[in-house]
């Protein structure tokens, strides 16, 4: 984010939607912990495939 000059709130928004399916959710990293590593990574892979 720093190298690209992107603020965390803009970077975390799409990640939050990809991981939780919602724009408003519990904190991102806690949500990922609850979902588990593999499930979170699979959701992030689907986001990457659509970009």
C-alpha atoms as a PDB file:
ATOM      1  CA  UNK A   1       0.000   0.000   0.000  1.00  0.00           C
ATOM      2  CA  UNK A   2       2.793   2.391   0.883  1.00  0.00           C
ATOM      3  CA  UNK A   3       4.620   1.809  -2.391  1.00  0.00           C
ATOM      4  CA  UNK A   4       1.442   2.372  -4.384  1.00  0.00           C
ATOM      5  CA  UNK A   5       0.352   5.361  -2.319  1.00  0.00           C
ATOM      6  CA  UNK A   6      -2.960   3.712  -1.402  1.00  0.00           C
ATOM      7  CA  UNK A   7      -4.573   4.416   1.945  1.00  0.00           C
ATOM      8  CA  UNK A   8      -5.535   1.359   4.009  1.00  0.00           C
ATOM      9  CA  UNK A   9      -9.252   2.171   3.945  1.00  0.00           C
ATOM     10  CA  UNK A  10      -9.236   1.985   0.127  1.00  0.00           C
ATOM     11  CA  UNK A  11      -7.173  -1.194   0.037  1.00  0.00           C
ATOM     12  CA  UNK A  12      -9.043  -2.999   2.793  1.00  0.00           C
ATOM     13  CA  UNK A  13     -12.514  -2.303   1.376  1.00  0.00           C
ATOM     14  CA  UNK A  14     -12.256  -4.743  -1.551  1.00  0.00           C
ATOM     15  CA  UNK A  15     -10.492  -7.271   0.669  1.00  0.00           C
ATOM     16  CA  UNK A  16     -13.269  -7.041   3.240  1.00  0.00           C
ATOM     17  CA  UNK A  17     -15.934  -7.650   0.598  1.00  0.00           C
ATOM     18  CA  UNK A  18     -13.963 -10.557  -0.868  1.00  0.00           C
ATOM     19  CA  UNK A  19     -13.441 -12.219   2.509  1.00  0.00           C
ATOM     20  CA  UNK A  20     -16.762 -11.530   4.230  1.00  0.00           C
ATOM     21  CA  UNK A  21     -19.129 -10.752   1.367  1.00  0.00           C
ATOM     22  CA  UNK A  22     -20.127  -7.499   3.071  1.00  0.00           C
ATOM     23  CA  UNK A  23     -18.985  -3.899   3.018  1.00  0.00           C
ATOM     24  CA  UNK A  24     -19.431  -3.584   6.757  1.00  0.00           C
ATOM     25  CA  UNK A  25     -18.160  -6.385   8.945  1.00  0.00           C
ATOM     26  CA  UNK A  26     -16.089  -7.085  12.021  1.00  0.00           C
ATOM     27  CA  UNK A  27     -12.432  -6.106  11.664  1.00  0.00           C
ATOM     28  CA  UNK A  28     -10.856  -7.634   8.557  1.00  0.00           C
ATOM     29  CA  UNK A  29      -8.054  -9.616  10.150  1.00  0.00           C
ATOM     30  CA  UNK A  30     -10.296 -11.008  12.867  1.00  0.00           C
ATOM     31  CA  UNK A  31     -12.797 -12.063  10.203  1.00  0.00           C
ATOM     32  CA  UNK A  32     -10.036 -13.865   8.332  1.00  0.00           C
ATOM     33  CA  UNK A  33      -8.985 -15.629  11.509  1.00  0.00           C
ATOM     34  CA  UNK A  34     -12.543 -16.816  12.167  1.00  0.00           C
ATOM     35  CA  UNK A  35     -13.009 -18.059   8.595  1.00  0.00           C
ATOM     36  CA  UNK A  36      -9.678 -19.855   8.644  1.00  0.00           C
ATOM     37  CA  UNK A  37      -6.639 -19.618   6.447  1.00  0.00           C
ATOM     38  CA  UNK A  38      -7.741 -21.790   3.523  1.00  0.00           C
ATOM     39  CA  UNK A  39     -11.232 -20.353   3.288  1.00  0.00           C
ATOM     40  CA  UNK A  40      -9.906 -16.791   3.418  1.00  0.00           C
ATOM     41  CA  UNK A  41      -7.252 -17.513   0.790  1.00  0.00           C
ATOM     42  CA  UNK A  42      -9.798 -19.100  -1.522  1.00  0.00           C
ATOM     43  CA  UNK A  43     -11.977 -16.008  -1.315  1.00  0.00           C
ATOM     44  CA  UNK A  44      -8.971 -13.776  -2.017  1.00  0.00           C
ATOM     45  CA  UNK A  45      -8.044 -15.936  -5.024  1.00  0.00           C
ATOM     46  CA  UNK A  46     -11.541 -15.444  -6.413  1.00  0.00           C
ATOM     47  CA  UNK A  47     -11.136 -11.676  -6.003  1.00  0.00           C
ATOM     48  CA  UNK A  48      -7.808 -11.773  -7.831  1.00  0.00           C
ATOM     49  CA  UNK A  49      -9.346 -13.775 -10.679  1.00  0.00           C
ATOM     50  CA  UNK A  50     -12.007 -11.108 -11.213  1.00  0.00           C
ATOM     51  CA  UNK A  51      -9.586  -8.165 -11.281  1.00  0.00           C
END
